[in-house]
């Protein structure tokens, strides 16, 4: 009898976790923390300046396999939706500077193959990481045109990009 209850409890917990896999209810619908960041090319991005755009903050790491595997999918969405109002910011969670990030993309084949053209942002002081309560990478946060979080999801598995695109298309009004 106890085995059966444990199995049911595990099943229920799994369903609850799966149903929340794409949206952390603690974040969705709340105002995004404001931020001002500088990318590896010296361009500054401030959330308040991006009002009217859909802003995607992707926290990733150089040694994080799922993070690197996700980058081409994000780049594909960037190419498809950037002109329609999507801004993707790839915030590095390793605590390394712009030069290290650029050097890594110049030297590592796996990073070269991602084709990333969206802005990459170092977070040396972990300000963005702390603001968005990063617990694991990758973390994707999508902020609507009015500055409210509409999507907050940790982790990446092949196929997640289908759901990502649905969220972006909806927020852009497509």
N, C-alpha and C. Protein backbone atom coordinates (compact mmCIF):
# COMPACT_ATOMS: atom_id res chain seq x y z
N UNK A 1 0.81 -1.20 0.00
CA UNK A 1 0.00 0.00 0.00
C UNK A 1 0.86 1.26 0.00
N UNK A 2 1.92 1.28 0.83
CA UNK A 2 2.78 2.45 0.89
C UNK A 2 3.47 2.69 -0.44
N UNK A 3 3.89 1.60 -1.13
CA UNK A 3 4.54 1.75 -2.44
C UNK A 3 3.60 2.44 -3.42
N UNK A 4 2.35 2.07 -3.39
CA UNK A 4 1.37 2.67 -4.28
C UNK A 4 1.17 4.15 -4.00
N UNK A 5 1.13 4.53 -2.73
CA UNK A 5 0.98 5.94 -2.37
C UNK A 5 2.21 6.74 -2.77
N UNK A 6 3.37 6.15 -2.56
CA UNK A 6 4.61 6.82 -2.96
C UNK A 6 4.63 7.02 -4.47
N UNK A 7 4.24 6.01 -5.22
CA UNK A 7 4.20 6.12 -6.68
C UNK A 7 3.24 7.21 -7.14
N UNK A 8 2.08 7.26 -6.50
CA UNK A 8 1.10 8.29 -6.85
C UNK A 8 1.64 9.67 -6.50
N UNK A 9 2.28 9.80 -5.34
CA UNK A 9 2.85 11.08 -4.93
C UNK A 9 3.93 11.53 -5.92
N UNK A 10 4.77 10.61 -6.34
CA UNK A 10 5.82 10.94 -7.31
C UNK A 10 5.19 11.36 -8.64
N UNK A 11 4.16 10.66 -9.08
CA UNK A 11 3.47 11.00 -10.33
C UNK A 11 2.85 12.39 -10.24
N UNK A 12 2.17 12.69 -9.14
CA UNK A 12 1.54 14.00 -8.97
C UNK A 12 2.59 15.10 -8.95
N UNK A 13 3.68 14.88 -8.21
CA UNK A 13 4.76 15.87 -8.16
C UNK A 13 5.35 16.08 -9.54
N UNK A 14 5.56 15.02 -10.29
CA UNK A 14 6.09 15.14 -11.65
C UNK A 14 5.17 15.95 -12.54
N UNK A 15 3.88 15.71 -12.45
CA UNK A 15 2.92 16.46 -13.26
C UNK A 15 2.92 17.93 -12.88
N UNK A 16 3.00 18.22 -11.59
CA UNK A 16 3.03 19.62 -11.14
C UNK A 16 4.29 20.30 -11.67
N UNK A 17 5.43 19.64 -11.52
CA UNK A 17 6.68 20.22 -12.01
C UNK A 17 6.66 20.40 -13.52
N UNK A 18 6.12 19.42 -14.25
CA UNK A 18 6.06 19.52 -15.70
C UNK A 18 5.13 20.66 -16.12
N UNK A 19 4.00 20.81 -15.44
CA UNK A 19 3.06 21.86 -15.82
C UNK A 19 3.65 23.24 -15.60
N UNK A 20 4.60 23.34 -14.67
CA UNK A 20 5.25 24.63 -14.41
C UNK A 20 6.59 24.75 -15.12
N UNK A 21 6.92 23.79 -15.95
CA UNK A 21 8.25 23.76 -16.57
C UNK A 21 8.53 24.97 -17.43
N UNK A 22 7.50 25.56 -18.00
CA UNK A 22 7.73 26.69 -18.89
C UNK A 22 7.42 28.04 -18.26
N UNK A 23 6.91 28.08 -17.06
CA UNK A 23 6.60 29.37 -16.46
C UNK A 23 6.63 29.27 -14.94
N UNK A 24 7.53 29.98 -14.36
CA UNK A 24 7.62 30.06 -12.91
C UNK A 24 6.60 31.08 -12.45
N UNK A 25 5.53 30.60 -11.82
CA UNK A 25 4.42 31.46 -11.43
C UNK A 25 4.85 32.57 -10.49
N UNK A 26 5.97 32.41 -9.80
CA UNK A 26 6.45 33.47 -8.91
C UNK A 26 6.91 34.70 -9.66
N UNK A 27 7.19 34.57 -10.93
CA UNK A 27 7.70 35.68 -11.74
C UNK A 27 6.67 36.20 -12.73
N UNK A 28 5.93 35.31 -13.33
CA UNK A 28 5.04 35.69 -14.44
C UNK A 28 3.99 36.69 -13.98
N UNK A 29 3.90 37.79 -14.76
CA UNK A 29 2.93 38.84 -14.49
C UNK A 29 3.45 39.95 -13.60
N UNK A 30 4.65 39.79 -13.09
CA UNK A 30 5.23 40.81 -12.22
C UNK A 30 6.19 41.71 -13.01
N UNK A 31 6.38 42.95 -12.55
CA UNK A 31 7.33 43.82 -13.24
C UNK A 31 8.74 43.23 -13.19
N UNK A 32 9.44 43.35 -14.29
CA UNK A 32 10.82 42.89 -14.35
C UNK A 32 11.71 43.82 -13.53
N UNK A 33 12.74 43.27 -12.91
CA UNK A 33 13.73 44.17 -12.30
C UNK A 33 14.32 45.05 -13.41
N UNK A 34 14.52 46.32 -13.10
CA UNK A 34 15.13 47.21 -14.09
C UNK A 34 16.61 46.85 -14.19
N UNK A 35 17.19 47.12 -15.32
CA UNK A 35 18.61 46.83 -15.49
C UNK A 35 19.22 47.74 -16.55
N UNK A 36 20.52 47.88 -16.45
CA UNK A 36 21.32 48.55 -17.47
C UNK A 36 22.58 47.72 -17.60
N UNK A 37 22.82 47.20 -18.81
CA UNK A 37 23.97 46.34 -19.05
C UNK A 37 24.73 46.80 -20.28
N UNK A 38 25.99 46.41 -20.33
CA UNK A 38 26.82 46.72 -21.49
C UNK A 38 27.26 45.42 -22.13
N UNK A 39 27.06 45.31 -23.45
CA UNK A 39 27.44 44.07 -24.13
C UNK A 39 28.93 44.05 -24.44
N UNK A 40 29.38 42.98 -25.06
CA UNK A 40 30.81 42.79 -25.34
C UNK A 40 31.34 43.78 -26.36
N UNK A 41 30.45 44.50 -27.04
CA UNK A 41 30.88 45.51 -28.01
C UNK A 41 30.74 46.93 -27.47
N UNK A 42 30.39 47.07 -26.19
CA UNK A 42 30.30 48.38 -25.57
C UNK A 42 28.94 49.06 -25.72
N UNK A 43 27.94 48.37 -26.27
CA UNK A 43 26.60 48.94 -26.40
C UNK A 43 25.85 48.74 -25.09
N UNK A 44 25.10 49.78 -24.67
CA UNK A 44 24.35 49.73 -23.43
C UNK A 44 22.88 49.44 -23.71
N UNK A 45 22.31 48.57 -22.88
CA UNK A 45 20.89 48.20 -22.96
C UNK A 45 20.28 48.41 -21.58
N UNK A 46 19.25 49.24 -21.54
CA UNK A 46 18.53 49.52 -20.31
C UNK A 46 17.08 49.12 -20.53
N UNK A 47 16.51 48.41 -19.56
CA UNK A 47 15.15 47.93 -19.73
C UNK A 47 14.20 49.08 -20.04
N UNK A 48 14.32 50.18 -19.34
CA UNK A 48 13.41 51.31 -19.57
C UNK A 48 13.54 51.86 -20.99
N UNK A 49 14.73 51.79 -21.57
CA UNK A 49 14.93 52.24 -22.95
C UNK A 49 14.36 51.25 -23.97
N UNK A 50 14.12 50.03 -23.53
CA UNK A 50 13.61 48.99 -24.43
C UNK A 50 12.09 48.84 -24.34
N UNK A 51 11.44 49.74 -23.61
CA UNK A 51 9.98 49.69 -23.51
C UNK A 51 9.39 49.74 -24.91
N UNK A 52 8.39 48.91 -25.15
CA UNK A 52 7.80 48.78 -26.48
C UNK A 52 8.38 47.62 -27.27
N UNK A 53 9.44 47.02 -26.73
CA UNK A 53 10.05 45.83 -27.34
C UNK A 53 9.81 44.63 -26.42
N UNK A 54 9.87 43.45 -27.00
CA UNK A 54 9.86 42.23 -26.21
C UNK A 54 11.33 41.92 -25.92
N UNK A 55 11.67 41.82 -24.64
CA UNK A 55 13.06 41.63 -24.23
C UNK A 55 13.23 40.22 -23.67
N UNK A 56 14.15 39.50 -24.24
CA UNK A 56 14.46 38.15 -23.82
C UNK A 56 15.82 38.17 -23.16
N UNK A 57 15.88 37.82 -21.88
CA UNK A 57 17.15 37.73 -21.17
C UNK A 57 17.48 36.25 -21.02
N UNK A 58 18.57 35.84 -21.64
CA UNK A 58 19.02 34.45 -21.58
C UNK A 58 20.30 34.40 -20.76
N UNK A 59 20.24 33.71 -19.63
CA UNK A 59 21.43 33.51 -18.80
C UNK A 59 22.07 32.19 -19.22
N UNK A 60 23.34 32.24 -19.56
CA UNK A 60 24.03 31.07 -20.08
C UNK A 60 25.45 31.04 -19.54
N UNK A 61 26.08 29.87 -19.66
CA UNK A 61 27.46 29.72 -19.22
C UNK A 61 28.31 29.04 -20.27
N UNK A 62 29.58 29.38 -20.27
CA UNK A 62 30.52 28.81 -21.24
C UNK A 62 30.73 27.31 -21.06
N UNK A 63 30.60 26.83 -19.83
CA UNK A 63 30.81 25.41 -19.54
C UNK A 63 29.49 24.66 -19.39
N UNK A 64 28.41 25.30 -19.74
CA UNK A 64 27.08 24.70 -19.59
C UNK A 64 26.65 24.12 -20.93
N UNK A 65 26.67 22.80 -21.04
CA UNK A 65 26.31 22.13 -22.30
C UNK A 65 24.93 22.52 -22.82
N UNK A 66 23.87 22.45 -21.98
CA UNK A 66 22.55 22.84 -22.47
C UNK A 66 22.51 24.31 -22.92
N UNK A 67 23.26 25.16 -22.23
CA UNK A 67 23.30 26.59 -22.60
C UNK A 67 23.85 26.76 -24.01
N UNK A 68 24.96 26.11 -24.29
CA UNK A 68 25.59 26.22 -25.60
C UNK A 68 24.71 25.58 -26.68
N UNK A 69 24.08 24.45 -26.36
CA UNK A 69 23.19 23.79 -27.33
C UNK A 69 21.96 24.65 -27.64
N UNK A 70 21.55 25.48 -26.70
CA UNK A 70 20.38 26.33 -26.88
C UNK A 70 20.67 27.57 -27.75
N UNK A 71 21.90 28.02 -27.78
CA UNK A 71 22.24 29.27 -28.47
C UNK A 71 21.81 29.31 -29.94
N UNK A 72 22.00 28.24 -30.74
CA UNK A 72 21.55 28.31 -32.13
C UNK A 72 20.03 28.51 -32.25
N UNK A 73 19.26 27.91 -31.34
CA UNK A 73 17.81 28.08 -31.37
C UNK A 73 17.44 29.53 -31.06
N UNK A 74 18.14 30.12 -30.12
CA UNK A 74 17.90 31.53 -29.79
C UNK A 74 18.28 32.43 -30.95
N UNK A 75 19.39 32.09 -31.60
CA UNK A 75 19.81 32.89 -32.76
C UNK A 75 18.79 32.81 -33.89
N UNK A 76 18.21 31.64 -34.10
CA UNK A 76 17.18 31.49 -35.13
C UNK A 76 15.97 32.39 -34.81
N UNK A 77 15.56 32.42 -33.55
CA UNK A 77 14.47 33.30 -33.15
C UNK A 77 14.87 34.76 -33.28
N UNK A 78 16.10 35.07 -32.96
CA UNK A 78 16.61 36.43 -33.11
C UNK A 78 16.50 36.88 -34.57
N UNK A 79 16.95 36.03 -35.48
CA UNK A 79 16.90 36.37 -36.91
C UNK A 79 15.47 36.55 -37.39
N UNK A 80 14.57 35.74 -36.89
CA UNK A 80 13.18 35.78 -37.33
C UNK A 80 12.40 36.97 -36.75
N UNK A 81 12.71 37.35 -35.51
CA UNK A 81 11.85 38.32 -34.82
C UNK A 81 12.52 39.65 -34.44
N UNK A 82 13.81 39.80 -34.65
CA UNK A 82 14.49 41.04 -34.23
C UNK A 82 13.88 42.27 -34.90
N UNK A 83 13.61 42.17 -36.18
CA UNK A 83 13.04 43.32 -36.89
C UNK A 83 11.58 43.58 -36.50
N UNK A 84 10.97 42.62 -35.81
CA UNK A 84 9.58 42.76 -35.39
C UNK A 84 9.48 43.24 -33.94
N UNK A 85 10.63 43.47 -33.29
CA UNK A 85 10.61 44.03 -31.94
C UNK A 85 11.15 43.15 -30.84
N UNK A 86 11.84 42.05 -31.17
CA UNK A 86 12.44 41.18 -30.16
C UNK A 86 13.90 41.59 -29.94
N UNK A 87 14.28 41.72 -28.67
CA UNK A 87 15.67 41.99 -28.30
C UNK A 87 16.11 40.85 -27.39
N UNK A 88 17.10 40.09 -27.82
CA UNK A 88 17.65 39.02 -26.99
C UNK A 88 18.99 39.50 -26.42
N UNK A 89 19.14 39.35 -25.11
CA UNK A 89 20.39 39.66 -24.44
C UNK A 89 20.92 38.38 -23.80
N UNK A 90 22.08 37.93 -24.24
CA UNK A 90 22.69 36.72 -23.70
C UNK A 90 23.62 37.08 -22.55
N UNK A 91 23.13 36.95 -21.32
CA UNK A 91 23.91 37.33 -20.14
C UNK A 91 24.75 36.15 -19.68
N UNK A 92 26.06 36.33 -19.71
CA UNK A 92 26.96 35.26 -19.31
C UNK A 92 27.00 35.15 -17.79
N UNK A 93 26.86 33.94 -17.30
CA UNK A 93 26.78 33.68 -15.86
C UNK A 93 28.09 33.18 -15.26
N UNK A 94 29.19 33.31 -16.00
CA UNK A 94 30.47 32.79 -15.53
C UNK A 94 31.32 33.80 -14.76
N UNK A 95 30.92 35.06 -14.75
CA UNK A 95 31.71 36.07 -14.07
C UNK A 95 32.98 36.44 -14.83
N UNK A 96 32.96 36.27 -16.16
CA UNK A 96 34.13 36.60 -16.98
C UNK A 96 33.86 37.90 -17.75
N UNK A 97 34.93 38.54 -18.20
CA UNK A 97 34.78 39.82 -18.89
C UNK A 97 34.52 39.65 -20.39
N UNK A 98 34.28 40.77 -21.04
CA UNK A 98 33.97 40.79 -22.47
C UNK A 98 35.06 40.14 -23.30
N UNK A 99 36.31 40.43 -22.99
CA UNK A 99 37.42 39.87 -23.76
C UNK A 99 37.44 38.35 -23.69
N UNK A 100 37.16 37.80 -22.51
CA UNK A 100 37.16 36.34 -22.36
C UNK A 100 36.01 35.72 -23.18
N UNK A 101 34.86 36.37 -23.15
CA UNK A 101 33.71 35.87 -23.92
C UNK A 101 34.04 35.91 -25.41
N UNK A 102 34.56 37.03 -25.89
CA UNK A 102 34.91 37.16 -27.32
C UNK A 102 35.96 36.13 -27.71
N UNK A 103 36.99 35.97 -26.88
CA UNK A 103 38.05 35.01 -27.15
C UNK A 103 37.48 33.59 -27.23
N UNK A 104 36.57 33.27 -26.33
CA UNK A 104 35.95 31.95 -26.33
C UNK A 104 35.19 31.70 -27.63
N UNK A 105 34.45 32.71 -28.09
CA UNK A 105 33.71 32.56 -29.35
C UNK A 105 34.64 32.51 -30.56
N UNK A 106 35.81 33.12 -30.46
CA UNK A 106 36.78 33.07 -31.55
C UNK A 106 37.51 31.72 -31.61
N UNK A 107 37.71 31.11 -30.45
CA UNK A 107 38.56 29.92 -30.38
C UNK A 107 37.81 28.59 -30.31
N UNK A 108 36.64 28.58 -29.75
CA UNK A 108 35.93 27.31 -29.55
C UNK A 108 34.99 27.01 -30.70
N UNK A 109 35.17 25.84 -31.30
CA UNK A 109 34.33 25.45 -32.43
C UNK A 109 32.85 25.38 -32.07
N UNK A 110 32.54 24.84 -30.88
CA UNK A 110 31.13 24.73 -30.50
C UNK A 110 30.47 26.10 -30.40
N UNK A 111 31.19 27.10 -29.95
CA UNK A 111 30.63 28.45 -29.85
C UNK A 111 30.59 29.13 -31.22
N UNK A 112 31.60 28.90 -32.03
CA UNK A 112 31.59 29.46 -33.40
C UNK A 112 30.36 28.97 -34.16
N UNK A 113 30.05 27.68 -34.00
CA UNK A 113 28.95 27.07 -34.74
C UNK A 113 27.57 27.58 -34.32
N UNK A 114 27.48 28.26 -33.19
CA UNK A 114 26.18 28.76 -32.75
C UNK A 114 25.68 29.90 -33.63
N UNK A 115 26.60 30.62 -34.26
CA UNK A 115 26.22 31.72 -35.14
C UNK A 115 25.61 32.92 -34.44
N UNK A 116 25.85 33.05 -33.15
CA UNK A 116 25.22 34.10 -32.35
C UNK A 116 25.58 35.50 -32.85
N UNK A 117 24.54 36.29 -33.09
CA UNK A 117 24.72 37.70 -33.45
C UNK A 117 24.03 38.63 -32.45
N UNK A 118 23.20 38.05 -31.56
CA UNK A 118 22.54 38.90 -30.57
C UNK A 118 23.56 39.32 -29.51
N UNK A 119 23.29 40.41 -28.79
CA UNK A 119 24.25 40.93 -27.82
C UNK A 119 24.57 39.95 -26.70
N UNK A 120 25.86 39.81 -26.41
CA UNK A 120 26.33 39.00 -25.30
C UNK A 120 26.81 39.94 -24.20
N UNK A 121 26.40 39.66 -22.99
CA UNK A 121 26.61 40.58 -21.88
C UNK A 121 27.36 39.88 -20.75
N UNK A 122 28.52 40.42 -20.35
CA UNK A 122 29.17 39.87 -19.16
C UNK A 122 28.45 40.39 -17.91
N UNK A 123 28.48 39.61 -16.85
CA UNK A 123 27.87 40.03 -15.58
C UNK A 123 28.90 39.77 -14.49
N UNK A 124 29.97 40.56 -14.50
CA UNK A 124 31.10 40.34 -13.60
C UNK A 124 30.73 40.41 -12.13
N UNK A 125 29.81 41.28 -11.79
CA UNK A 125 29.42 41.46 -10.39
C UNK A 125 28.17 40.64 -10.04
N UNK A 126 27.66 39.86 -10.98
CA UNK A 126 26.48 39.01 -10.78
C UNK A 126 25.23 39.82 -10.41
N UNK A 127 25.16 41.06 -10.90
CA UNK A 127 24.02 41.92 -10.62
C UNK A 127 22.76 41.39 -11.29
N UNK A 128 22.85 41.07 -12.58
CA UNK A 128 21.69 40.54 -13.30
C UNK A 128 21.31 39.17 -12.73
N UNK A 129 22.30 38.36 -12.47
CA UNK A 129 22.06 37.02 -11.94
C UNK A 129 21.28 37.10 -10.63
N UNK A 130 21.70 37.99 -9.75
CA UNK A 130 21.01 38.16 -8.47
C UNK A 130 19.62 38.76 -8.66
N UNK A 131 19.49 39.72 -9.57
CA UNK A 131 18.19 40.38 -9.80
C UNK A 131 17.13 39.39 -10.27
N UNK A 132 17.54 38.45 -11.09
CA UNK A 132 16.59 37.47 -11.64
C UNK A 132 16.64 36.13 -10.91
N UNK A 133 17.36 36.09 -9.79
CA UNK A 133 17.41 34.91 -8.92
C UNK A 133 17.80 33.63 -9.67
N UNK A 134 18.86 33.74 -10.46
CA UNK A 134 19.36 32.59 -11.20
C UNK A 134 19.77 31.49 -10.23
N UNK A 135 19.18 30.32 -10.43
CA UNK A 135 19.54 29.15 -9.62
C UNK A 135 20.20 28.09 -10.49
N UNK A 136 19.94 28.11 -11.77
CA UNK A 136 20.51 27.15 -12.69
C UNK A 136 20.44 27.71 -14.09
N UNK A 137 21.35 27.26 -14.93
CA UNK A 137 21.40 27.77 -16.29
C UNK A 137 21.15 26.63 -17.26
N UNK A 138 20.61 26.95 -18.42
CA UNK A 138 20.20 28.30 -18.81
C UNK A 138 18.90 28.72 -18.11
N UNK A 139 18.76 30.02 -17.99
CA UNK A 139 17.53 30.62 -17.51
C UNK A 139 17.07 31.59 -18.59
N UNK A 140 15.82 31.47 -18.99
CA UNK A 140 15.24 32.37 -19.98
C UNK A 140 14.11 33.15 -19.35
N UNK A 141 14.20 34.46 -19.49
CA UNK A 141 13.18 35.36 -18.98
C UNK A 141 12.73 36.22 -20.16
N UNK A 142 11.43 36.20 -20.43
CA UNK A 142 10.90 37.02 -21.53
C UNK A 142 10.01 38.08 -20.91
N UNK A 143 10.31 39.32 -21.27
CA UNK A 143 9.65 40.49 -20.70
C UNK A 143 8.83 41.15 -21.79
N UNK A 144 7.57 41.46 -21.49
CA UNK A 144 6.70 42.03 -22.51
C UNK A 144 7.02 43.51 -22.78
N UNK A 145 6.30 44.09 -23.70
CA UNK A 145 6.54 45.47 -24.15
C UNK A 145 6.36 46.50 -23.05
N UNK A 146 5.68 46.13 -21.98
CA UNK A 146 5.43 47.04 -20.87
C UNK A 146 6.31 46.78 -19.65
N UNK A 147 7.27 45.85 -19.79
CA UNK A 147 8.21 45.59 -18.71
C UNK A 147 7.79 44.54 -17.71
N UNK A 148 6.80 43.71 -18.06
CA UNK A 148 6.34 42.66 -17.16
C UNK A 148 6.87 41.29 -17.63
N UNK A 149 7.31 40.49 -16.68
CA UNK A 149 7.79 39.14 -17.00
C UNK A 149 6.61 38.29 -17.43
N UNK A 150 6.75 37.68 -18.60
CA UNK A 150 5.70 36.80 -19.12
C UNK A 150 6.17 35.36 -19.25
N UNK A 151 7.46 35.14 -19.02
CA UNK A 151 8.02 33.79 -19.17
C UNK A 151 9.28 33.72 -18.32
N UNK A 152 9.43 32.64 -17.57
CA UNK A 152 10.60 32.46 -16.70
C UNK A 152 10.84 30.96 -16.62
N UNK A 153 11.91 30.49 -17.25
CA UNK A 153 12.12 29.05 -17.35
C UNK A 153 13.59 28.70 -17.25
N UNK A 154 13.91 27.78 -16.33
CA UNK A 154 15.28 27.27 -16.22
C UNK A 154 15.40 25.95 -16.94
N UNK A 155 16.55 25.75 -17.57
CA UNK A 155 16.84 24.49 -18.24
C UNK A 155 16.58 24.60 -19.74
N UNK A 156 17.09 23.61 -20.45
CA UNK A 156 16.85 23.55 -21.90
C UNK A 156 16.91 22.10 -22.34
N UNK A 157 15.93 21.73 -23.15
CA UNK A 157 15.93 20.45 -23.84
C UNK A 157 15.55 20.73 -25.28
N UNK A 158 16.10 19.97 -26.20
CA UNK A 158 15.76 20.14 -27.61
C UNK A 158 14.25 20.12 -27.75
N UNK A 159 13.73 21.07 -28.48
CA UNK A 159 12.29 21.18 -28.67
C UNK A 159 11.67 22.32 -27.88
N UNK A 160 12.38 22.79 -26.83
CA UNK A 160 11.86 23.92 -26.04
C UNK A 160 11.64 25.15 -26.91
N UNK A 161 12.43 25.27 -27.96
CA UNK A 161 12.33 26.46 -28.80
C UNK A 161 10.96 26.61 -29.47
N UNK A 162 10.25 25.51 -29.64
CA UNK A 162 8.90 25.59 -30.20
C UNK A 162 8.00 26.39 -29.26
N UNK A 163 8.09 26.10 -27.98
CA UNK A 163 7.30 26.85 -27.00
C UNK A 163 7.80 28.28 -26.90
N UNK A 164 9.12 28.48 -26.95
CA UNK A 164 9.68 29.82 -26.91
C UNK A 164 9.08 30.68 -28.02
N UNK A 165 9.03 30.11 -29.21
CA UNK A 165 8.52 30.86 -30.36
C UNK A 165 7.04 31.21 -30.17
N UNK A 166 6.27 30.30 -29.61
CA UNK A 166 4.86 30.59 -29.35
C UNK A 166 4.72 31.80 -28.43
N UNK A 167 5.54 31.85 -27.38
CA UNK A 167 5.49 32.97 -26.43
C UNK A 167 5.88 34.26 -27.11
N UNK A 168 6.97 34.24 -27.86
CA UNK A 168 7.44 35.46 -28.55
C UNK A 168 6.40 35.95 -29.55
N UNK A 169 5.87 35.06 -30.36
CA UNK A 169 4.87 35.45 -31.37
C UNK A 169 3.66 36.09 -30.70
N UNK A 170 3.22 35.50 -29.61
CA UNK A 170 2.07 36.04 -28.88
C UNK A 170 2.38 37.44 -28.35
N UNK A 171 3.53 37.61 -27.73
CA UNK A 171 3.89 38.90 -27.14
C UNK A 171 4.12 39.98 -28.20
N UNK A 172 4.53 39.56 -29.38
CA UNK A 172 4.73 40.53 -30.47
C UNK A 172 3.43 40.79 -31.22
N UNK A 173 2.37 40.06 -30.86
CA UNK A 173 1.07 40.28 -31.48
C UNK A 173 0.92 39.62 -32.83
N UNK A 174 1.61 38.52 -33.01
CA UNK A 174 1.53 37.82 -34.30
C UNK A 174 0.56 36.67 -34.25
